């Protein structure tokens, strides 16, 4: 039986990479930055989007709000540039303003005010951008959260479709590798290095297939360097 191929990369390193999905664009940990308590009145859908984004990126709610504030700040600085103008969807702020104009106050879902601990600059950023665009701060945050969730959900759905297709092709490759190994076993010595190395290739392919299956069924991220990962 072929030996398992292992990677030097640690599980901790993999966990750290997941938390970078919503990392703020500055150096240092959130714990090193002075935090404040602030309240936001979010719709039910907005609150669910905040929780979903945190769970999807494996970060705290604080991390999502911090990332969102700096994303809006950066978006504001480039929204009038050539790159933003050429964007198919327009800037995030453009989409927020459009969503705000499309809102029907009569159909807006109920909202609730909740308090969060955030980087002290976050409320200032939200307040400044909301004022500049003629929106309430809470509406700005609420719409931004819902738009971000929709974006990430669309990407996740697209990735899932491609992963399903990739798994089918990888499983076909594994079947061909097994057939090749059986054929070579008939003509080569039992301890021939070709058989040994082909067996290792088969284990890597099998583990990749199992990792994809785990992602599809449980959402487990695939480590790009841990070739022994199978679930």
C-alpha atoms as a PDB file:
ATOM      1  CA  UNK A   1       0.000   0.000   0.000  1.00  0.00           C
ATOM      2  CA  UNK A   2       1.370   3.438  -0.880  1.00  0.00           C
ATOM      3  CA  UNK A   3       2.561   5.727   1.903  1.00  0.00           C
ATOM      4  CA  UNK A   4       0.657   8.847   2.798  1.00  0.00           C
ATOM      5  CA  UNK A   5       2.170  12.027   1.443  1.00  0.00           C
ATOM      6  CA  UNK A   6       2.325  14.698   4.113  1.00  0.00           C
ATOM      7  CA  UNK A   7       3.052  18.383   3.984  1.00  0.00           C
ATOM      8  CA  UNK A   8       5.211  20.401   6.346  1.00  0.00           C
ATOM      9  CA  UNK A   9       2.533  23.012   6.615  1.00  0.00           C
ATOM     10  CA  UNK A  10       0.789  22.962   9.995  1.00  0.00           C
ATOM     11  CA  UNK A  11      -2.932  22.950  10.681  1.00  0.00           C
ATOM     12  CA  UNK A  12      -2.456  26.219  12.589  1.00  0.00           C
ATOM     13  CA  UNK A  13      -1.033  27.860   9.490  1.00  0.00           C
ATOM     14  CA  UNK A  14      -4.112  26.778   7.534  1.00  0.00           C
ATOM     15  CA  UNK A  15      -6.409  28.230  10.181  1.00  0.00           C
ATOM     16  CA  UNK A  16      -4.516  31.518  10.081  1.00  0.00           C
ATOM     17  CA  UNK A  17      -4.977  31.740   6.305  1.00  0.00           C
ATOM     18  CA  UNK A  18      -8.757  31.514   6.687  1.00  0.00           C
ATOM     19  CA  UNK A  19      -8.798  34.494   9.038  1.00  0.00           C
ATOM     20  CA  UNK A  20      -7.111  36.669   6.418  1.00  0.00           C
ATOM     21  CA  UNK A  21     -10.265  36.677   4.300  1.00  0.00           C
ATOM     22  CA  UNK A  22     -11.611  39.630   6.259  1.00  0.00           C
ATOM     23  CA  UNK A  23      -8.339  41.046   7.528  1.00  0.00           C
ATOM     24  CA  UNK A  24      -8.310  44.875   7.765  1.00  0.00           C
ATOM     25  CA  UNK A  25      -5.860  46.653   5.451  1.00  0.00           C
ATOM     26  CA  UNK A  26      -3.407  47.646   8.139  1.00  0.00           C
ATOM     27  CA  UNK A  27      -0.691  45.902  10.129  1.00  0.00           C
ATOM     28  CA  UNK A  28      -1.292  44.533  13.612  1.00  0.00           C
ATOM     29  CA  UNK A  29      -3.946  42.518  15.393  1.00  0.00           C
ATOM     30  CA  UNK A  30      -7.347  43.914  16.290  1.00  0.00           C
ATOM     31  CA  UNK A  31      -6.435  43.378  19.949  1.00  0.00           C
ATOM     32  CA  UNK A  32      -3.657  45.951  19.577  1.00  0.00           C
ATOM     33  CA  UNK A  33      -6.086  48.641  18.397  1.00  0.00           C
ATOM     34  CA  UNK A  34      -8.208  50.660  20.763  1.00  0.00           C
ATOM     35  CA  UNK A  35     -11.806  49.527  20.537  1.00  0.00           C
ATOM     36  CA  UNK A  36     -15.079  51.258  21.324  1.00  0.00           C
ATOM     37  CA  UNK A  37     -18.686  50.196  21.684  1.00  0.00           C
ATOM     38  CA  UNK A  38     -21.129  51.459  19.086  1.00  0.00           C
ATOM     39  CA  UNK A  39     -24.673  50.590  18.119  1.00  0.00           C
ATOM     40  CA  UNK A  40     -26.136  49.904  14.693  1.00  0.00           C
ATOM     41  CA  UNK A  41     -29.787  49.551  13.763  1.00  0.00           C
ATOM     42  CA  UNK A  42     -29.783  46.717  11.242  1.00  0.00           C
ATOM     43  CA  UNK A  43     -32.615  44.985   9.442  1.00  0.00           C
ATOM     44  CA  UNK A  44     -33.158  41.293  10.074  1.00  0.00           C
ATOM     45  CA  UNK A  45     -31.569  40.543   6.723  1.00  0.00           C
ATOM     46  CA  UNK A  46     -28.635  42.834   7.514  1.00  0.00           C
ATOM     47  CA  UNK A  47     -28.063  41.169  10.891  1.00  0.00           C
ATOM     48  CA  UNK A  48     -28.159  37.741   9.275  1.00  0.00           C
ATOM     49  CA  UNK A  49     -25.704  38.932   6.632  1.00  0.00           C
ATOM     50  CA  UNK A  50     -23.284  40.101   9.336  1.00  0.00           C
ATOM     51  CA  UNK A  51     -23.405  36.740  11.108  1.00  0.00           C
ATOM     52  CA  UNK A  52     -23.137  34.820   7.806  1.00  0.00           C
ATOM     53  CA  UNK A  53     -20.079  36.803   6.703  1.00  0.00           C
ATOM     54  CA  UNK A  54     -18.381  36.225  10.051  1.00  0.00           C
ATOM     55  CA  UNK A  55     -19.043  32.497   9.934  1.00  0.00           C
ATOM     56  CA  UNK A  56     -18.038  32.227   6.281  1.00  0.00           C
ATOM     57  CA  UNK A  57     -14.702  33.949   6.914  1.00  0.00           C
ATOM     58  CA  UNK A  58     -14.200  32.393  10.369  1.00  0.00           C
ATOM     59  CA  UNK A  59     -13.771  35.782  12.061  1.00  0.00           C
ATOM     60  CA  UNK A  60     -15.571  37.736  14.763  1.00  0.00           C
ATOM     61  CA  UNK A  61     -18.354  40.195  13.976  1.00  0.00           C
ATOM     62  CA  UNK A  62     -15.875  42.932  14.849  1.00  0.00           C
ATOM     63  CA  UNK A  63     -13.601  41.752  12.049  1.00  0.00           C
ATOM     64  CA  UNK A  64     -16.379  41.955   9.458  1.00  0.00           C
ATOM     65  CA  UNK A  65     -17.377  45.488  10.472  1.00  0.00           C
ATOM     66  CA  UNK A  66     -13.753  46.637  10.466  1.00  0.00           C
ATOM     67  CA  UNK A  67     -13.129  45.141   7.043  1.00  0.00           C
ATOM     68  CA  UNK A  68     -16.350  46.667   5.735  1.00  0.00           C
ATOM     69  CA  UNK A  69     -15.427  50.145   6.963  1.00  0.00           C
ATOM     70  CA  UNK A  70     -12.005  50.077   5.319  1.00  0.00           C
ATOM     71  CA  UNK A  71     -13.425  48.520   2.161  1.00  0.00           C
ATOM     72  CA  UNK A  72     -15.863  51.430   1.889  1.00  0.00           C
ATOM     73  CA  UNK A  73     -13.070  53.900   2.595  1.00  0.00           C
ATOM     74  CA  UNK A  74     -10.886  52.433  -0.129  1.00  0.00           C
ATOM     75  CA  UNK A  75     -13.852  52.209  -2.493  1.00  0.00           C
ATOM     76  CA  UNK A  76     -14.581  55.890  -1.997  1.00  0.00           C
ATOM     77  CA  UNK A  77     -10.995  56.780  -2.891  1.00  0.00           C
ATOM     78  CA  UNK A  78     -11.080  54.902  -6.207  1.00  0.00           C
ATOM     79  CA  UNK A  79     -14.747  55.050  -7.247  1.00  0.00           C
ATOM     80  CA  UNK A  80     -14.122  57.852  -9.742  1.00  0.00           C
ATOM     81  CA  UNK A  81     -11.018  56.288 -11.249  1.00  0.00           C
ATOM     82  CA  UNK A  82     -10.848  54.537 -14.604  1.00  0.00           C
ATOM     83  CA  UNK A  83     -10.766  51.123 -12.907  1.00  0.00           C
ATOM     84  CA  UNK A  84     -14.043  51.798 -11.081  1.00  0.00           C
ATOM     85  CA  UNK A  85     -15.701  53.200 -14.174  1.00  0.00           C
ATOM     86  CA  UNK A  86     -14.842  50.051 -16.101  1.00  0.00           C
ATOM     87  CA  UNK A  87     -16.215  47.750 -13.403  1.00  0.00           C
ATOM     88  CA  UNK A  88     -19.202  45.763 -14.636  1.00  0.00           C
ATOM     89  CA  UNK A  89     -21.066  46.218 -11.359  1.00  0.00           C
ATOM     90  CA  UNK A  90     -19.767  49.684 -10.461  1.00  0.00           C
ATOM     91  CA  UNK A  91     -18.240  50.558  -7.110  1.00  0.00           C
ATOM     92  CA  UNK A  92     -19.595  49.225  -3.839  1.00  0.00           C
ATOM     93  CA  UNK A  93     -20.781  52.717  -2.925  1.00  0.00           C
ATOM     94  CA  UNK A  94     -22.550  53.077  -6.261  1.00  0.00           C
ATOM     95  CA  UNK A  95     -24.417  49.843  -5.617  1.00  0.00           C
ATOM     96  CA  UNK A  96     -25.291  50.921  -2.086  1.00  0.00           C
ATOM     97  CA  UNK A  97     -26.668  54.238  -3.321  1.00  0.00           C
ATOM     98  CA  UNK A  98     -28.683  52.453  -6.010  1.00  0.00           C
ATOM     99  CA  UNK A  99     -30.038  49.964  -3.461  1.00  0.00           C
ATOM    100  CA  UNK A 100     -30.987  52.851  -1.165  1.00  0.00           C
ATOM    101  CA  UNK A 101     -32.884  54.599  -3.958  1.00  0.00           C
ATOM    102  CA  UNK A 102     -34.754  51.375  -4.744  1.00  0.00           C
ATOM    103  CA  UNK A 103     -35.887  50.864  -1.153  1.00  0.00           C
ATOM    104  CA  UNK A 104     -39.567  50.987  -0.418  1.00  0.00           C
ATOM    105  CA  UNK A 105     -40.027  52.124   3.224  1.00  0.00           C
ATOM    106  CA  UNK A 106     -43.326  50.236   3.376  1.00  0.00           C
ATOM    107  CA  UNK A 107     -41.699  46.899   2.595  1.00  0.00           C
ATOM    108  CA  UNK A 108     -38.485  47.279   4.570  1.00  0.00           C
ATOM    109  CA  UNK A 109     -38.190  44.525   7.184  1.00  0.00           C
ATOM    110  CA  UNK A 110     -38.113  45.223  10.913  1.00  0.00           C
ATOM    111  CA  UNK A 111     -34.873  46.382  12.430  1.00  0.00           C
ATOM    112  CA  UNK A 112     -33.228  46.174  15.822  1.00  0.00           C
ATOM    113  CA  UNK A 113     -30.420  48.142  17.439  1.00  0.00           C
ATOM    114  CA  UNK A 114     -27.455  46.094  18.624  1.00  0.00           C
ATOM    115  CA  UNK A 115     -24.163  47.113  20.206  1.00  0.00           C
ATOM    116  CA  UNK A 116     -20.831  45.921  18.846  1.00  0.00           C
ATOM    117  CA  UNK A 117     -17.213  46.382  19.872  1.00  0.00           C
ATOM    118  CA  UNK A 118     -15.241  47.809  16.959  1.00  0.00           C
ATOM    119  CA  UNK A 119     -12.007  49.590  16.116  1.00  0.00           C
ATOM    120  CA  UNK A 120     -12.434  53.201  17.232  1.00  0.00           C
ATOM    121  CA  UNK A 121     -11.986  54.453  13.657  1.00  0.00           C
ATOM    122  CA  UNK A 122     -14.847  52.338  12.299  1.00  0.00           C
ATOM    123  CA  UNK A 123     -17.724  54.610  13.447  1.00  0.00           C
ATOM    124  CA  UNK A 124     -15.842  57.661  12.147  1.00  0.00           C
ATOM    125  CA  UNK A 125     -15.400  56.055   8.727  1.00  0.00           C
ATOM    126  CA  UNK A 126     -19.045  54.985   8.506  1.00  0.00           C
ATOM    127  CA  UNK A 127     -20.270  58.420   9.661  1.00  0.00           C
ATOM    128  CA  UNK A 128     -18.066  60.310   7.203  1.00  0.00           C
ATOM    129  CA  UNK A 129     -19.028  58.212   4.185  1.00  0.00           C
ATOM    130  CA  UNK A 130     -22.728  58.187   5.080  1.00  0.00           C
ATOM    131  CA  UNK A 131     -22.744  61.985   5.390  1.00  0.00           C
ATOM    132  CA  UNK A 132     -20.903  62.411   2.077  1.00  0.00           C
ATOM    133  CA  UNK A 133     -23.450  60.250   0.246  1.00  0.00           C
ATOM    134  CA  UNK A 134     -26.569  61.540   1.955  1.00  0.00           C
ATOM    135  CA  UNK A 135     -27.415  58.287   3.723  1.00  0.00           C
ATOM    136  CA  UNK A 136     -27.945  57.399   7.336  1.00  0.00           C
ATOM    137  CA  UNK A 137     -25.010  55.552   8.817  1.00  0.00           C
ATOM    138  CA  UNK A 138     -27.079  52.520   9.787  1.00  0.00           C
ATOM    139  CA  UNK A 139     -28.637  52.242   6.333  1.00  0.00           C
ATOM    140  CA  UNK A 140     -25.176  52.448   4.766  1.00  0.00           C
ATOM    141  CA  UNK A 141     -23.910  49.587   6.930  1.00  0.00           C
ATOM    142  CA  UNK A 142     -27.077  47.526   6.496  1.00  0.00           C
ATOM    143  CA  UNK A 143     -27.019  47.714   2.703  1.00  0.00           C
ATOM    144  CA  UNK A 144     -23.252  47.147   2.533  1.00  0.00           C
ATOM    145  CA  UNK A 145     -23.559  43.968   4.586  1.00  0.00           C
ATOM    146  CA  UNK A 146     -26.355  42.603   2.385  1.00  0.00           C
ATOM    147  CA  UNK A 147     -24.469  43.420  -0.807  1.00  0.00           C
ATOM    148  CA  UNK A 148     -21.270  41.833   0.495  1.00  0.00           C
ATOM    149  CA  UNK A 149     -23.107  38.685   1.484  1.00  0.00           C
ATOM    150  CA  UNK A 150     -24.767  38.462  -1.927  1.00  0.00           C
ATOM    151  CA  UNK A 151     -21.360  38.849  -3.593  1.00  0.00           C
ATOM    152  CA  UNK A 152     -19.713  36.156  -1.509  1.00  0.00           C
ATOM    153  CA  UNK A 153     -22.688  33.826  -1.858  1.00  0.00           C
ATOM    154  CA  UNK A 154     -22.572  34.184  -5.642  1.00  0.00           C
ATOM    155  CA  UNK A 155     -18.855  33.425  -5.646  1.00  0.00           C
ATOM    156  CA  UNK A 156     -19.398  30.436  -3.355  1.00  0.00           C
ATOM    157  CA  UNK A 157     -22.151  29.080  -5.633  1.00  0.00           C
ATOM    158  CA  UNK A 158     -19.931  29.481  -8.683  1.00  0.00           C
ATOM    159  CA  UNK A 159     -16.992  27.845  -6.912  1.00  0.00           C
ATOM    160  CA  UNK A 160     -19.183  24.941  -5.832  1.00  0.00           C
ATOM    161  CA  UNK A 161     -20.289  24.328  -9.406  1.00  0.00           C
ATOM    162  CA  UNK A 162     -16.687  24.308 -10.638  1.00  0.00           C
ATOM    163  CA  UNK A 163     -15.563  22.085  -7.736  1.00  0.00           C
ATOM    164  CA  UNK A 164     -18.262  19.537  -8.550  1.00  0.00           C
ATOM    165  CA  UNK A 165     -17.043  19.448 -12.142  1.00  0.00           C
ATOM    166  CA  UNK A 166     -13.408  19.232 -11.006  1.00  0.00           C
ATOM    167  CA  UNK A 167     -14.189  16.317  -8.686  1.00  0.00           C
ATOM    168  CA  UNK A 168     -15.767  14.331 -11.507  1.00  0.00           C
ATOM    169  CA  UNK A 169     -12.678  14.817 -13.665  1.00  0.00           C
ATOM    170  CA  UNK A 170     -10.305  14.051 -10.783  1.00  0.00           C
ATOM    171  CA  UNK A 171     -12.213  10.852  -9.995  1.00  0.00           C
ATOM    172  CA  UNK A 172     -11.863   9.836 -13.640  1.00  0.00           C
ATOM    173  CA  UNK A 173      -8.134  10.521 -13.424  1.00  0.00           C
ATOM    174  CA  UNK A 174      -7.895   8.401 -10.264  1.00  0.00           C
ATOM    175  CA  UNK A 175      -9.669   5.534 -12.006  1.00  0.00           C
ATOM    176  CA  UNK A 176      -7.227   5.741 -14.915  1.00  0.00           C
ATOM    177  CA  UNK A 177      -4.280   5.820 -12.500  1.00  0.00           C
ATOM    178  CA  UNK A 178      -5.580   2.663 -10.805  1.00  0.00           C
ATOM    179  CA  UNK A 179      -5.989   0.949 -14.170  1.00  0.00           C
ATOM    180  CA  UNK A 180      -2.461   1.941 -15.167  1.00  0.00           C
ATOM    181  CA  UNK A 181      -1.036   0.620 -11.910  1.00  0.00           C
ATOM    182  CA  UNK A 182      -2.789  -2.730 -12.363  1.00  0.00           C
ATOM    183  CA  UNK A 183      -1.393  -2.986 -15.889  1.00  0.00           C
ATOM    184  CA  UNK A 184       2.158  -2.167 -14.811  1.00  0.00           C
ATOM    185  CA  UNK A 185       1.992  -4.631 -11.928  1.00  0.00           C
ATOM    186  CA  UNK A 186       1.655  -7.350 -14.548  1.00  0.00           C
ATOM    187  CA  UNK A 187       4.881  -6.420 -16.328  1.00  0.00           C
ATOM    188  CA  UNK A 188       7.084  -4.862 -13.618  1.00  0.00           C
ATOM    189  CA  UNK A 189       8.721  -6.257 -10.515  1.00  0.00           C
ATOM    190  CA  UNK A 190       6.693  -5.979  -7.318  1.00  0.00           C
ATOM    191  CA  UNK A 191       9.161  -3.491  -5.802  1.00  0.00           C
ATOM    192  CA  UNK A 192       9.781  -1.468  -8.927  1.00  0.00           C
ATOM    193  CA  UNK A 193      10.150   2.271  -8.108  1.00  0.00           C
ATOM    194  CA  UNK A 194       7.657   3.173 -10.808  1.00  0.00           C
ATOM    195  CA  UNK A 195       4.922   1.287  -8.988  1.00  0.00           C
ATOM    196  CA  UNK A 196       5.875   2.870  -5.680  1.00  0.00           C
ATOM    197  CA  UNK A 197       5.825   6.413  -7.040  1.00  0.00           C
ATOM    198  CA  UNK A 198       2.654   5.779  -9.017  1.00  0.00           C
ATOM    199  CA  UNK A 199       1.067   4.625  -5.780  1.00  0.00           C
ATOM    200  CA  UNK A 200       2.033   7.904  -4.120  1.00  0.00           C
ATOM    201  CA  UNK A 201       0.464   9.822  -6.991  1.00  0.00           C
ATOM    202  CA  UNK A 202      -2.721   7.819  -6.517  1.00  0.00           C
ATOM    203  CA  UNK A 203      -2.835   8.688  -2.799  1.00  0.00           C
ATOM    204  CA  UNK A 204      -2.428  12.399  -3.541  1.00  0.00           C
ATOM    205  CA  UNK A 205      -5.221  12.309  -6.131  1.00  0.00           C
ATOM    206  CA  UNK A 206      -7.487  10.314  -3.808  1.00  0.00           C
ATOM    207  CA  UNK A 207      -6.895  12.739  -0.907  1.00  0.00           C
ATOM    208  CA  UNK A 208      -7.653  15.672  -3.187  1.00  0.00           C
ATOM    209  CA  UNK A 209     -10.918  14.060  -4.264  1.00  0.00           C
ATOM    210  CA  UNK A 210     -11.881  13.444  -0.629  1.00  0.00           C
ATOM    211  CA  UNK A 211     -10.956  17.028   0.290  1.00  0.00           C
ATOM    212  CA  UNK A 212     -13.204  18.367  -2.452  1.00  0.00           C
ATOM    213  CA  UNK A 213     -16.011  16.115  -1.229  1.00  0.00           C
ATOM    214  CA  UNK A 214     -15.500  17.434   2.306  1.00  0.00           C
ATOM    215  CA  UNK A 215     -15.664  20.999   1.029  1.00  0.00           C
ATOM    216  CA  UNK A 216     -18.870  20.305  -0.896  1.00  0.00           C
ATOM    217  CA  UNK A 217     -20.554  18.525   2.024  1.00  0.00           C
ATOM    218  CA  UNK A 218     -19.210  20.418   5.028  1.00  0.00           C
ATOM    219  CA  UNK A 219     -17.595  23.599   3.707  1.00  0.00           C
ATOM    220  CA  UNK A 220     -14.129  22.520   4.862  1.00  0.00           C
ATOM    221  CA  UNK A 221     -11.548  24.646   3.061  1.00  0.00           C
ATOM    222  CA  UNK A 222      -8.971  22.809   0.986  1.00  0.00           C
ATOM    223  CA  UNK A 223      -5.401  23.332   2.160  1.00  0.00           C
ATOM    224  CA  UNK A 224      -3.300  24.143  -0.911  1.00  0.00           C
ATOM    225  CA  UNK A 225      -0.165  22.516   0.537  1.00  0.00           C
ATOM    226  CA  UNK A 226      -1.326  19.691   2.812  1.00  0.00           C
ATOM    227  CA  UNK A 227      -1.402  16.767   0.385  1.00  0.00           C
ATOM    228  CA  UNK A 228      -2.466  14.408   3.174  1.00  0.00           C
ATOM    229  CA  UNK A 229      -5.688  16.339   3.793  1.00  0.00           C
ATOM    230  CA  UNK A 230      -8.675  14.166   2.992  1.00  0.00           C
ATOM    231  CA  UNK A 231     -11.463  15.644   5.112  1.00  0.00           C
END
